[in-house]
PDB file of all heavy atoms in Angstrom:
ATOM      1  N   ASN A   1     117.818 -30.318 -98.724  1.00  0.00           N
ATOM      2  CA  ASN A   1     119.233 -30.500 -98.674  1.00  0.00           C
ATOM      3  C   ASN A   1     119.883 -29.245 -99.278  1.00  0.00           C
ATOM      4  O   ASN A   1     119.248 -28.490 -99.958  1.00  0.00           O
ATOM      5  CB  ASN A   1     119.720 -31.779 -99.442  1.00  0.00           C
ATOM      6  CG  ASN A   1     120.998 -32.223 -99.082  1.00  0.00           C
ATOM      7  OD1 ASN A   1     121.808 -31.533 -98.361  1.00  0.00           O
ATOM      8  ND2 ASN A   1     121.472 -33.319 -99.546  1.00  0.00           N
ATOM      9  N   GLU A   2     121.151 -29.096 -98.793  1.00  0.00           N
ATOM     10  CA  GLU A   2     121.922 -28.002 -99.456  1.00  0.00           C
ATOM     11  C   GLU A   2     122.056 -28.410-100.869  1.00  0.00           C
ATOM     12  O   GLU A   2     122.312 -29.466-101.295  1.00  0.00           O
ATOM     13  CB  GLU A   2     123.207 -27.772 -98.680  1.00  0.00           C
ATOM     14  CG  GLU A   2     124.026 -26.513 -99.209  1.00  0.00           C
ATOM     15  CD  GLU A   2     125.196 -26.307 -98.382  1.00  0.00           C
ATOM     16  OE1 GLU A   2     125.455 -27.052 -97.426  1.00  0.00           O
ATOM     17  OE2 GLU A   2     125.834 -25.340 -98.729  1.00  0.00           O
ATOM     18  N   ASN A   3     121.977 -27.378-101.767  1.00  0.00           N
ATOM     19  CA  ASN A   3     122.138 -27.595-103.311  1.00  0.00           C
ATOM     20  C   ASN A   3     123.699 -27.718-103.495  1.00  0.00           C
ATOM     21  O   ASN A   3     124.226 -26.693-104.079  1.00  0.00           O
ATOM     22  CB  ASN A   3     121.512 -26.445-104.013  1.00  0.00           C
ATOM     23  CG  ASN A   3     121.333 -26.822-105.477  1.00  0.00           C
ATOM     24  OD1 ASN A   3     121.928 -27.884-105.972  1.00  0.00           O
ATOM     25  ND2 ASN A   3     120.723 -25.960-106.198  1.00  0.00           N
ATOM     26  N   ASP A   4     124.256 -28.752-103.158  1.00  0.00           N
ATOM     27  CA  ASP A   4     125.636 -29.045-103.337  1.00  0.00           C
ATOM     28  C   ASP A   4     126.164 -29.102-104.780  1.00  0.00           C
ATOM     29  O   ASP A   4     127.324 -28.940-105.041  1.00  0.00           O
ATOM     30  CB  ASP A   4     126.201 -30.244-102.689  1.00  0.00           C
ATOM     31  CG  ASP A   4     126.004 -30.223-101.252  1.00  0.00           C
ATOM     32  OD1 ASP A   4     126.552 -29.294-100.569  1.00  0.00           O
ATOM     33  OD2 ASP A   4     125.436 -31.110-100.482  1.00  0.00           O
ATOM     34  N   THR A   5     125.136 -29.161-105.753  1.00  0.00           N
ATOM     35  CA  THR A   5     125.529 -29.147-107.155  1.00  0.00           C
ATOM     36  C   THR A   5     126.022 -27.791-107.685  1.00  0.00           C
ATOM     37  O   THR A   5     126.573 -27.756-108.727  1.00  0.00           O
ATOM     38  CB  THR A   5     124.499 -29.724-108.068  1.00  0.00           C
ATOM     39  OG1 THR A   5     123.269 -28.936-107.916  1.00  0.00           O
ATOM     40  CG2 THR A   5     124.147 -31.196-107.551  1.00  0.00           C
ATOM     41  N   VAL A   6     125.631 -26.703-106.971  1.00  0.00           N
ATOM     42  CA  VAL A   6     125.858 -25.394-107.510  1.00  0.00           C
ATOM     43  C   VAL A   6     126.697 -24.469-106.537  1.00  0.00           C
ATOM     44  O   VAL A   6     127.197 -23.528-106.964  1.00  0.00           O
ATOM     45  CB  VAL A   6     124.574 -24.663-108.009  1.00  0.00           C
ATOM     46  CG1 VAL A   6     123.935 -25.422-109.014  1.00  0.00           C
ATOM     47  CG2 VAL A   6     123.685 -24.429-106.690  1.00  0.00           C
ATOM     48  N   VAL A   7     126.813 -24.894-105.174  1.00  0.00           N
ATOM     49  CA  VAL A   7     127.373 -24.009-104.221  1.00  0.00           C
ATOM     50  C   VAL A   7     128.847 -23.972-104.343  1.00  0.00           C
ATOM     51  O   VAL A   7     129.483 -24.808-104.893  1.00  0.00           O
ATOM     52  CB  VAL A   7     127.002 -24.508-102.816  1.00  0.00           C
ATOM     53  CG1 VAL A   7     125.505 -24.324-102.551  1.00  0.00           C
ATOM     54  CG2 VAL A   7     127.465 -25.890-102.496  1.00  0.00           C
ATOM     55  N   ASN A   8     129.453 -22.905-103.836  1.00  0.00           N
ATOM     56  CA  ASN A   8     130.881 -22.816-103.661  1.00  0.00           C
ATOM     57  C   ASN A   8     131.276 -22.457-102.251  1.00  0.00           C
ATOM     58  O   ASN A   8     130.374 -22.322-101.375  1.00  0.00           O
ATOM     59  CB  ASN A   8     131.493 -21.952-104.748  1.00  0.00           C
ATOM     60  CG  ASN A   8     130.905 -20.560-104.616  1.00  0.00           C
ATOM     61  OD1 ASN A   8     130.628 -19.975-103.679  1.00  0.00           O
ATOM     62  ND2 ASN A   8     130.671 -19.895-105.891  1.00  0.00           N
ATOM     63  N   ASP A   9     132.500 -22.210-102.052  1.00  0.00           N
ATOM     64  CA  ASP A   9     132.780 -21.930-100.545  1.00  0.00           C
ATOM     65  C   ASP A   9     132.298 -20.615-100.103  1.00  0.00           C
ATOM     66  O   ASP A   9     131.923 -20.582 -98.828  1.00  0.00           O
ATOM     67  CB  ASP A   9     134.405 -21.833-100.512  1.00  0.00           C
ATOM     68  CG  ASP A   9     135.008 -23.171-100.612  1.00  0.00           C
ATOM     69  OD1 ASP A   9     134.389 -24.089-100.459  1.00  0.00           O
ATOM     70  OD2 ASP A   9     136.303 -23.182-100.857  1.00  0.00           O
ATOM     71  N   GLU A  10     131.937 -19.834-100.857  1.00  0.00           N
ATOM     72  CA  GLU A  10     131.285 -18.426-100.490  1.00  0.00           C
ATOM     73  C   GLU A  10     129.844 -18.534 -99.959  1.00  0.00           C
ATOM     74  O   GLU A  10     129.377 -17.797 -99.235  1.00  0.00           O
ATOM     75  CB  GLU A  10     131.350 -17.361-101.545  1.00  0.00           C
ATOM     76  CG  GLU A  10     132.849 -16.848-101.738  1.00  0.00           C
ATOM     77  CD  GLU A  10     133.766 -17.785-102.377  1.00  0.00           C
ATOM     78  OE1 GLU A  10     133.353 -18.576-103.285  1.00  0.00           O
ATOM     79  OE2 GLU A  10     134.980 -17.936-101.914  1.00  0.00           O
ATOM     80  N   ILE A  11     129.129 -19.538-100.545  1.00  0.00           N
ATOM     81  CA  ILE A  11     127.663 -19.660-100.253  1.00  0.00           C
ATOM     82  C   ILE A  11     127.327 -20.987 -99.494  1.00  0.00           C
ATOM     83  O   ILE A  11     126.048 -21.034 -99.335  1.00  0.00           O
ATOM     84  CB  ILE A  11     126.938 -19.423-101.527  1.00  0.00           C
ATOM     85  CG1 ILE A  11     127.198 -20.501-102.520  1.00  0.00           C
ATOM     86  CG2 ILE A  11     126.928 -18.027-102.108  1.00  0.00           C
ATOM     87  CD1 ILE A  11     126.181 -20.500-103.747  1.00  0.00           C
ATOM     88  N   LYS A  12     128.259 -21.706 -99.088  1.00  0.00           N
ATOM     89  CA  LYS A  12     127.926 -23.038 -98.497  1.00  0.00           C
ATOM     90  C   LYS A  12     127.394 -22.692 -97.110  1.00  0.00           C
ATOM     91  O   LYS A  12     127.967 -21.890 -96.436  1.00  0.00           O
ATOM     92  CB  LYS A  12     129.099 -23.937 -98.542  1.00  0.00           C
ATOM     93  CG  LYS A  12     129.289 -24.732 -99.811  1.00  0.00           C
ATOM     94  CD  LYS A  12     130.329 -25.739 -99.666  1.00  0.00           C
ATOM     95  CE  LYS A  12     130.041 -26.894 -98.825  1.00  0.00           C
ATOM     96  NZ  LYS A  12     128.840 -27.679 -99.435  1.00  0.00           N
ATOM     97  N   PHE A  13     126.454 -23.486 -96.657  1.00  0.00           N
ATOM     98  CA  PHE A  13     125.934 -23.523 -95.253  1.00  0.00           C
ATOM     99  C   PHE A  13     127.198 -23.973 -94.375  1.00  0.00           C
ATOM    100  O   PHE A  13     127.409 -23.577 -93.279  1.00  0.00           O
ATOM    101  CB  PHE A  13     124.824 -24.270 -94.930  1.00  0.00           C
ATOM    102  CG  PHE A  13     123.542 -23.645 -95.614  1.00  0.00           C
ATOM    103  CD1 PHE A  13     122.931 -24.387 -96.675  1.00  0.00           C
ATOM    104  CD2 PHE A  13     123.121 -22.541 -95.216  1.00  0.00           C
ATOM    105  CE1 PHE A  13     121.725 -23.926 -97.214  1.00  0.00           C
ATOM    106  CE2 PHE A  13     121.862 -22.066 -95.729  1.00  0.00           C
ATOM    107  CZ  PHE A  13     121.232 -22.733 -96.604  1.00  0.00           C
ATOM    108  N   GLY A  14     127.939 -24.946 -95.078  1.00  0.00           N
ATOM    109  CA  GLY A  14     128.989 -25.594 -94.281  1.00  0.00           C
ATOM    110  C   GLY A  14     128.641 -26.929 -93.668  1.00  0.00           C
ATOM    111  O   GLY A  14     129.535 -27.827 -93.451  1.00  0.00           O
ATOM    112  N   ASP A  15     127.476 -26.989 -93.255  1.00  0.00           N
ATOM    113  CA  ASP A  15     127.113 -28.264 -92.762  1.00  0.00           C
ATOM    114  C   ASP A  15     125.468 -28.282 -92.683  1.00  0.00           C
ATOM    115  O   ASP A  15     124.849 -27.148 -92.703  1.00  0.00           O
ATOM    116  CB  ASP A  15     127.475 -28.564 -91.346  1.00  0.00           C
ATOM    117  CG  ASP A  15     127.114 -27.459 -90.372  1.00  0.00           C
ATOM    118  OD1 ASP A  15     126.054 -27.426 -89.812  1.00  0.00           O
ATOM    119  OD2 ASP A  15     127.853 -26.575 -90.116  1.00  0.00           O
ATOM    120  N   ASN A  16     124.886 -29.410 -92.670  1.00  0.00           N
ATOM    121  CA  ASN A  16     123.321 -29.420 -92.638  1.00  0.00           C
ATOM    122  C   ASN A  16     122.677 -29.308 -91.185  1.00  0.00           C
ATOM    123  O   ASN A  16     121.514 -29.165 -91.152  1.00  0.00           O
ATOM    124  CB  ASN A  16     122.938 -30.806 -93.213  1.00  0.00           C
ATOM    125  CG  ASN A  16     122.900 -30.701 -94.705  1.00  0.00           C
ATOM    126  OD1 ASN A  16     123.030 -29.615 -95.268  1.00  0.00           O
ATOM    127  ND2 ASN A  16     122.430 -31.756 -95.382  1.00  0.00           N
ATOM    128  N   ASP A  17     123.645 -29.184 -90.135  1.00  0.00           N
ATOM    129  CA  ASP A  17     123.082 -28.894 -88.808  1.00  0.00           C
ATOM    130  C   ASP A  17     122.553 -27.356 -89.059  1.00  0.00           C
ATOM    131  O   ASP A  17     121.625 -27.013 -88.573  1.00  0.00           O
ATOM    132  CB  ASP A  17     124.104 -29.161 -87.814  1.00  0.00           C
ATOM    133  CG  ASP A  17     124.428 -30.550 -87.625  1.00  0.00           C
ATOM    134  OD1 ASP A  17     123.561 -31.417 -87.752  1.00  0.00           O
ATOM    135  OD2 ASP A  17     125.731 -30.772 -87.525  1.00  0.00           O
ATOM    136  N   THR A  18     123.551 -26.658 -89.530  1.00  0.00           N
ATOM    137  CA  THR A  18     123.259 -25.082 -89.686  1.00  0.00           C
ATOM    138  C   THR A  18     122.005 -24.917 -90.574  1.00  0.00           C
ATOM    139  O   THR A  18     121.143 -24.106 -90.334  1.00  0.00           O
ATOM    140  CB  THR A  18     124.452 -24.341 -90.267  1.00  0.00           C
ATOM    141  OG1 THR A  18     125.480 -24.497 -89.413  1.00  0.00           O
ATOM    142  CG2 THR A  18     124.041 -22.883 -90.584  1.00  0.00           C
ATOM    143  N   LEU A  19     121.891 -25.654 -91.639  1.00  0.00           N
ATOM    144  CA  LEU A  19     120.814 -25.639 -92.534  1.00  0.00           C
ATOM    145  C   LEU A  19     119.440 -26.091 -91.850  1.00  0.00           C
ATOM    146  O   LEU A  19     118.495 -25.340 -91.927  1.00  0.00           O
ATOM    147  CB  LEU A  19     120.959 -26.584 -93.697  1.00  0.00           C
ATOM    148  CG  LEU A  19     119.868 -26.689 -94.761  1.00  0.00           C
ATOM    149  CD1 LEU A  19     119.478 -25.369 -95.261  1.00  0.00           C
ATOM    150  CD2 LEU A  19     120.271 -27.664 -95.906  1.00  0.00           C
ATOM    151  N   GLY A  20     119.532 -26.949 -91.023  1.00  0.00           N
ATOM    152  CA  GLY A  20     118.389 -27.364 -90.217  1.00  0.00           C
ATOM    153  C   GLY A  20     118.017 -26.321 -89.273  1.00  0.00           C
ATOM    154  O   GLY A  20     116.751 -26.026 -89.227  1.00  0.00           O
ATOM    155  N   ALA A  21     118.798 -25.675 -88.652  1.00  0.00           N
ATOM    156  CA  ALA A  21     118.594 -24.436 -87.812  1.00  0.00           C
ATOM    157  C   ALA A  21     117.954 -23.223 -88.594  1.00  0.00           C
ATOM    158  O   ALA A  21     116.896 -22.678 -88.284  1.00  0.00           O
ATOM    159  CB  ALA A  21     119.765 -24.002 -87.032  1.00  0.00           C
ATOM    160  N   LEU A  22     118.509 -23.044 -89.796  1.00  0.00           N
ATOM    161  CA  LEU A  22     117.903 -22.005 -90.719  1.00  0.00           C
ATOM    162  C   LEU A  22     116.460 -22.340 -91.220  1.00  0.00           C
ATOM    163  O   LEU A  22     115.669 -21.493 -91.230  1.00  0.00           O
ATOM    164  CB  LEU A  22     118.906 -21.796 -91.791  1.00  0.00           C
ATOM    165  CG  LEU A  22     120.217 -21.134 -91.469  1.00  0.00           C
ATOM    166  CD1 LEU A  22     121.252 -21.094 -92.665  1.00  0.00           C
ATOM    167  CD2 LEU A  22     120.178 -19.665 -90.914  1.00  0.00           C
ATOM    168  N   VAL A  23     116.410 -23.521 -91.504  1.00  0.00           N
ATOM    169  CA  VAL A  23     114.964 -24.038 -91.897  1.00  0.00           C
ATOM    170  C   VAL A  23     114.055 -23.802 -90.729  1.00  0.00           C
ATOM    171  O   VAL A  23     112.784 -23.361 -91.010  1.00  0.00           O
ATOM    172  CB  VAL A  23     114.925 -25.370 -92.442  1.00  0.00           C
ATOM    173  CG1 VAL A  23     113.653 -25.862 -92.758  1.00  0.00           C
ATOM    174  CG2 VAL A  23     115.704 -25.387 -93.736  1.00  0.00           C
ATOM    175  N   ALA A  24     114.396 -24.106 -89.530  1.00  0.00           N
ATOM    176  CA  ALA A  24     113.544 -24.062 -88.369  1.00  0.00           C
ATOM    177  C   ALA A  24     113.166 -22.568 -88.176  1.00  0.00           C
ATOM    178  O   ALA A  24     112.044 -22.293 -87.894  1.00  0.00           O
ATOM    179  CB  ALA A  24     114.328 -24.531 -87.067  1.00  0.00           C
ATOM    180  N   ASN A  25     114.167 -21.663 -88.271  1.00  0.00           N
ATOM    181  CA  ASN A  25     113.833 -20.185 -88.299  1.00  0.00           C
ATOM    182  C   ASN A  25     113.037 -19.794 -89.435  1.00  0.00           C
ATOM    183  O   ASN A  25     112.065 -19.023 -89.249  1.00  0.00           O
ATOM    184  CB  ASN A  25     115.191 -19.377 -88.349  1.00  0.00           C
ATOM    185  CG  ASN A  25     115.962 -19.617 -87.027  1.00  0.00           C
ATOM    186  OD1 ASN A  25     115.601 -20.212 -86.062  1.00  0.00           O
ATOM    187  ND2 ASN A  25     117.392 -19.258 -87.116  1.00  0.00           N
ATOM    188  N   LEU A  26     113.248 -20.400 -90.679  1.00  0.00           N
ATOM    189  CA  LEU A  26     112.548 -19.938 -91.896  1.00  0.00           C
ATOM    190  C   LEU A  26     111.129 -20.154 -91.784  1.00  0.00           C
ATOM    191  O   LEU A  26     110.209 -19.300 -92.142  1.00  0.00           O
ATOM    192  CB  LEU A  26     113.069 -20.655 -93.113  1.00  0.00           C
ATOM    193  CG  LEU A  26     112.397 -20.445 -94.459  1.00  0.00           C
ATOM    194  CD1 LEU A  26     112.674 -18.990 -94.873  1.00  0.00           C
ATOM    195  CD2 LEU A  26     112.992 -21.442 -95.440  1.00  0.00           C
ATOM    196  N   ILE A  27     110.582 -21.273 -91.155  1.00  0.00           N
ATOM    197  CA  ILE A  27     109.265 -21.688 -91.092  1.00  0.00           C
ATOM    198  C   ILE A  27     108.598 -21.560 -89.694  1.00  0.00           C
ATOM    199  O   ILE A  27     107.495 -21.991 -89.525  1.00  0.00           O
ATOM    200  CB  ILE A  27     109.103 -23.140 -91.572  1.00  0.00           C
ATOM    201  CG1 ILE A  27     109.738 -24.220 -90.750  1.00  0.00           C
ATOM    202  CG2 ILE A  27     109.546 -23.285 -93.088  1.00  0.00           C
ATOM    203  CD1 ILE A  27     109.393 -25.660 -90.933  1.00  0.00           C
ATOM    204  N   ASP A  28     109.316 -20.986 -88.871  1.00  0.00           N
ATOM    205  CA  ASP A  28     108.820 -20.718 -87.472  1.00  0.00           C
ATOM    206  C   ASP A  28     108.575 -22.080 -86.727  1.00  0.00           C
ATOM    207  O   ASP A  28     107.426 -22.314 -86.156  1.00  0.00           O
ATOM    208  CB  ASP A  28     107.605 -19.832 -87.441  1.00  0.00           C
ATOM    209  CG  ASP A  28     107.754 -18.372 -87.998  1.00  0.00           C
ATOM    210  OD1 ASP A  28     108.852 -17.989 -87.722  1.00  0.00           O
ATOM    211  OD2 ASP A  28     106.882 -17.866 -88.651  1.00  0.00           O
ATOM    212  N   ALA A  29     109.414 -23.045 -86.880  1.00  0.00           N
ATOM    213  CA  ALA A  29     109.186 -24.315 -86.136  1.00  0.00           C
ATOM    214  C   ALA A  29     109.224 -24.244 -84.787  1.00  0.00           C
ATOM    215  O   ALA A  29     109.995 -23.325 -84.155  1.00  0.00           O
ATOM    216  CB  ALA A  29     110.383 -25.296 -86.695  1.00  0.00           C
ATOM    217  N   ASP A  30     108.587 -25.185 -84.169  1.00  0.00           N
ATOM    218  CA  ASP A  30     108.532 -25.244 -82.615  1.00  0.00           C
ATOM    219  C   ASP A  30     109.676 -25.883 -82.143  1.00  0.00           C
ATOM    220  O   ASP A  30     110.151 -25.707 -81.008  1.00  0.00           O
ATOM    221  CB  ASP A  30     107.291 -25.959 -82.276  1.00  0.00           C
ATOM    222  CG  ASP A  30     106.028 -25.276 -82.673  1.00  0.00           C
ATOM    223  OD1 ASP A  30     105.812 -24.000 -82.306  1.00  0.00           O
ATOM    224  OD2 ASP A  30     105.272 -25.823 -83.433  1.00  0.00           O
ATOM    225  N   ALA A  31     110.215 -26.901 -82.860  1.00  0.00           N
ATOM    226  CA  ALA A  31     111.402 -27.685 -82.493  1.00  0.00           C
ATOM    227  C   ALA A  31     112.240 -28.234 -83.575  1.00  0.00           C
ATOM    228  O   ALA A  31     111.703 -28.423 -84.711  1.00  0.00           O
ATOM    229  CB  ALA A  31     110.807 -28.906 -81.625  1.00  0.00           C
ATOM    230  N   LEU A  32     113.511 -28.414 -83.262  1.00  0.00           N
ATOM    231  CA  LEU A  32     114.307 -28.870 -84.307  1.00  0.00           C
ATOM    232  C   LEU A  32     114.864 -30.345 -83.596  1.00  0.00           C
ATOM    233  O   LEU A  32     115.430 -30.308 -82.528  1.00  0.00           O
ATOM    234  CB  LEU A  32     115.565 -28.052 -84.427  1.00  0.00           C
ATOM    235  CG  LEU A  32     116.829 -28.517 -85.225  1.00  0.00           C
ATOM    236  CD1 LEU A  32     116.603 -28.983 -86.620  1.00  0.00           C
ATOM    237  CD2 LEU A  32     117.947 -27.519 -85.109  1.00  0.00           C
ATOM    238  N   VAL A  33     114.954 -31.429 -84.384  1.00  0.00           N
ATOM    239  CA  VAL A  33     115.469 -32.689 -83.850  1.00  0.00           C
ATOM    240  C   VAL A  33     116.636 -32.921 -84.835  1.00  0.00           C
ATOM    241  O   VAL A  33     116.496 -32.974 -86.029  1.00  0.00           O
ATOM    242  CB  VAL A  33     114.458 -33.803 -84.009  1.00  0.00           C
ATOM    243  CG1 VAL A  33     115.111 -35.064 -83.440  1.00  0.00           C
ATOM    244  CG2 VAL A  33     113.171 -33.439 -83.112  1.00  0.00           C
ATOM    245  N   ILE A  34     117.852 -33.088 -84.217  1.00  0.00           N
ATOM    246  CA  ILE A  34     119.001 -33.475 -84.907  1.00  0.00           C
ATOM    247  C   ILE A  34     119.354 -35.013 -84.642  1.00  0.00           C
ATOM    248  O   ILE A  34     119.746 -35.221 -83.426  1.00  0.00           O
ATOM    249  CB  ILE A  34     120.303 -32.464 -84.539  1.00  0.00           C
ATOM    250  CG1 ILE A  34     119.932 -31.154 -84.870  1.00  0.00           C
ATOM    251  CG2 ILE A  34     121.550 -32.967 -85.209  1.00  0.00           C
ATOM    252  CD1 ILE A  34     121.081 -30.108 -84.528  1.00  0.00           C
ATOM    253  N   LEU A  35     119.165 -35.842 -85.559  1.00  0.00           N
ATOM    254  CA  LEU A  35     119.379 -37.284 -85.273  1.00  0.00           C
ATOM    255  C   LEU A  35     120.852 -37.483 -85.773  1.00  0.00           C
ATOM    256  O   LEU A  35     121.194 -37.094 -86.946  1.00  0.00           O
ATOM    257  CB  LEU A  35     118.491 -38.175 -86.150  1.00  0.00           C
ATOM    258  CG  LEU A  35     116.943 -37.961 -85.650  1.00  0.00           C
ATOM    259  CD1 LEU A  35     116.117 -38.902 -86.550  1.00  0.00           C
ATOM    260  CD2 LEU A  35     116.802 -38.228 -84.357  1.00  0.00           C
ATOM    261  N   THR A  36     121.617 -38.160 -84.997  1.00  0.00           N
ATOM    262  CA  THR A  36     122.983 -38.312 -85.293  1.00  0.00           C
ATOM    263  C   THR A  36     123.456 -39.767 -84.833  1.00  0.00           C
ATOM    264  O   THR A  36     122.546 -40.486 -84.352  1.00  0.00           O
ATOM    265  CB  THR A  36     123.864 -37.231 -84.452  1.00  0.00           C
ATOM    266  OG1 THR A  36     125.200 -37.382 -84.677  1.00  0.00           O
ATOM    267  CG2 THR A  36     123.638 -37.360 -82.907  1.00  0.00           C
ATOM    268  N   ASP A  37     124.722 -40.048 -85.027  1.00  0.00           N
ATOM    269  CA  ASP A  37     125.292 -41.318 -84.653  1.00  0.00           C
ATOM    270  C   ASP A  37     125.679 -41.328 -83.177  1.00  0.00           C
ATOM    271  O   ASP A  37     126.425 -42.335 -82.824  1.00  0.00           O
ATOM    272  CB  ASP A  37     126.324 -41.743 -85.574  1.00  0.00           C
ATOM    273  CG  ASP A  37     127.411 -40.735 -85.715  1.00  0.00           C
ATOM    274  OD1 ASP A  37     127.331 -39.778 -85.033  1.00  0.00           O
ATOM    275  OD2 ASP A  37     128.359 -41.105 -86.588  1.00  0.00           O
ATOM    276  N   GLN A  38     125.444 -40.360 -82.342  1.00  0.00           N
ATOM    277  CA  GLN A  38     125.759 -40.319 -80.989  1.00  0.00           C
ATOM    278  C   GLN A  38     124.475 -40.333 -80.139  1.00  0.00           C
ATOM    279  O   GLN A  38     123.390 -39.722 -80.674  1.00  0.00           O
ATOM    280  CB  GLN A  38     126.675 -39.203 -80.667  1.00  0.00           C
ATOM    281  CG  GLN A  38     128.008 -39.268 -81.378  1.00  0.00           C
ATOM    282  CD  GLN A  38     128.946 -38.183 -81.125  1.00  0.00           C
ATOM    283  OE1 GLN A  38     129.198 -37.923 -79.947  1.00  0.00           O
ATOM    284  NE2 GLN A  38     129.509 -37.440 -82.130  1.00  0.00           N
ATOM    285  N   LYS A  39     124.533 -40.702 -78.837  1.00  0.00           N
ATOM    286  CA  LYS A  39     123.376 -40.612 -78.017  1.00  0.00           C
ATOM    287  C   LYS A  39     122.972 -39.159 -77.688  1.00  0.00           C
ATOM    288  O   LYS A  39     121.790 -38.963 -77.253  1.00  0.00           O
ATOM    289  CB  LYS A  39     123.769 -41.245 -76.705  1.00  0.00           C
ATOM    290  CG  LYS A  39     124.010 -42.845 -76.895  1.00  0.00           C
ATOM    291  CD  LYS A  39     122.738 -43.611 -77.223  1.00  0.00           C
ATOM    292  CE  LYS A  39     122.916 -45.070 -77.211  1.00  0.00           C
ATOM    293  NZ  LYS A  39     121.691 -45.919 -77.418  1.00  0.00           N
ATOM    294  N   GLY A  40     123.798 -38.220 -77.955  1.00  0.00           N
ATOM    295  CA  GLY A  40     123.554 -36.890 -77.526  1.00  0.00           C
ATOM    296  C   GLY A  40     124.893 -36.160 -77.135  1.00  0.00           C
ATOM    297  O   GLY A  40     125.895 -36.511 -77.640  1.00  0.00           O
ATOM    298  N   LEU A  41     124.782 -35.060 -76.511  1.00  0.00           N
ATOM    299  CA  LEU A  41     125.998 -34.309 -76.063  1.00  0.00           C
ATOM    300  C   LEU A  41     126.464 -34.937 -74.802  1.00  0.00           C
ATOM    301  O   LEU A  41     125.790 -35.091 -73.735  1.00  0.00           O
ATOM    302  CB  LEU A  41     125.650 -32.810 -75.894  1.00  0.00           C
ATOM    303  CG  LEU A  41     126.779 -31.957 -75.322  1.00  0.00           C
ATOM    304  CD1 LEU A  41     127.951 -31.852 -76.282  1.00  0.00           C
ATOM    305  CD2 LEU A  41     126.200 -30.499 -74.929  1.00  0.00           C
ATOM    306  N   TYR A  42     127.832 -35.178 -74.813  1.00  0.00           N
ATOM    307  CA  TYR A  42     128.503 -35.596 -73.443  1.00  0.00           C
ATOM    308  C   TYR A  42     129.322 -34.463 -72.979  1.00  0.00           C
ATOM    309  O   TYR A  42     129.660 -33.664 -73.633  1.00  0.00           O
ATOM    310  CB  TYR A  42     129.290 -36.751 -73.763  1.00  0.00           C
ATOM    311  CG  TYR A  42     128.546 -38.111 -73.980  1.00  0.00           C
ATOM    312  CD1 TYR A  42     127.875 -38.414 -75.214  1.00  0.00           C
ATOM    313  CD2 TYR A  42     128.378 -39.042 -73.044  1.00  0.00           C
ATOM    314  CE1 TYR A  42     127.185 -39.551 -75.261  1.00  0.00           C
ATOM    315  CE2 TYR A  42     127.626 -40.132 -73.208  1.00  0.00           C
ATOM    316  CZ  TYR A  42     127.021 -40.304 -74.299  1.00  0.00           C
ATOM    317  OH  TYR A  42     126.288 -41.621 -74.543  1.00  0.00           O
ATOM    318  N   THR A  43     129.674 -34.686 -71.576  1.00  0.00           N
ATOM    319  CA  THR A  43     130.460 -33.577 -71.042  1.00  0.00           C
ATOM    320  C   THR A  43     131.868 -33.606 -71.603  1.00  0.00           C
ATOM    321  O   THR A  43     132.646 -32.614 -71.371  1.00  0.00           O
ATOM    322  CB  THR A  43     130.545 -33.816 -69.517  1.00  0.00           C
ATOM    323  OG1 THR A  43     130.945 -35.232 -69.164  1.00  0.00           O
ATOM    324  CG2 THR A  43     129.258 -33.627 -68.773  1.00  0.00           C
ATOM    325  N   ALA A  44     132.275 -34.697 -72.288  1.00  0.00           N
ATOM    326  CA  ALA A  44     133.616 -34.811 -73.026  1.00  0.00           C
ATOM    327  C   ALA A  44     133.402 -35.780 -74.029  1.00  0.00           C
ATOM    328  O   ALA A  44     132.411 -36.622 -74.042  1.00  0.00           O
ATOM    329  CB  ALA A  44     134.691 -35.047 -71.936  1.00  0.00           C
ATOM    330  N   ASP A  45     134.344 -35.834 -74.954  1.00  0.00           N
ATOM    331  CA  ASP A  45     134.318 -36.934 -76.016  1.00  0.00           C
ATOM    332  C   ASP A  45     134.293 -38.343 -75.414  1.00  0.00           C
ATOM    333  O   ASP A  45     135.415 -38.721 -74.739  1.00  0.00           O
ATOM    334  CB  ASP A  45     135.446 -36.819 -76.900  1.00  0.00           C
ATOM    335  CG  ASP A  45     135.314 -37.602 -78.117  1.00  0.00           C
ATOM    336  OD1 ASP A  45     134.542 -38.614 -78.067  1.00  0.00           O
ATOM    337  OD2 ASP A  45     135.908 -37.263 -79.219  1.00  0.00           O
TER     338      ASP A  45
END
């Protein structure tokens, strides 16, 4: 998780989706799965 207990606006990832992507890059992951409360991406809201 992002270390929300010490971060400020200058060093925040801003969201854990970005953190997930950065971790995928960090460890050379083959895939990133983002589990959300929606079925996926729609052509519109």
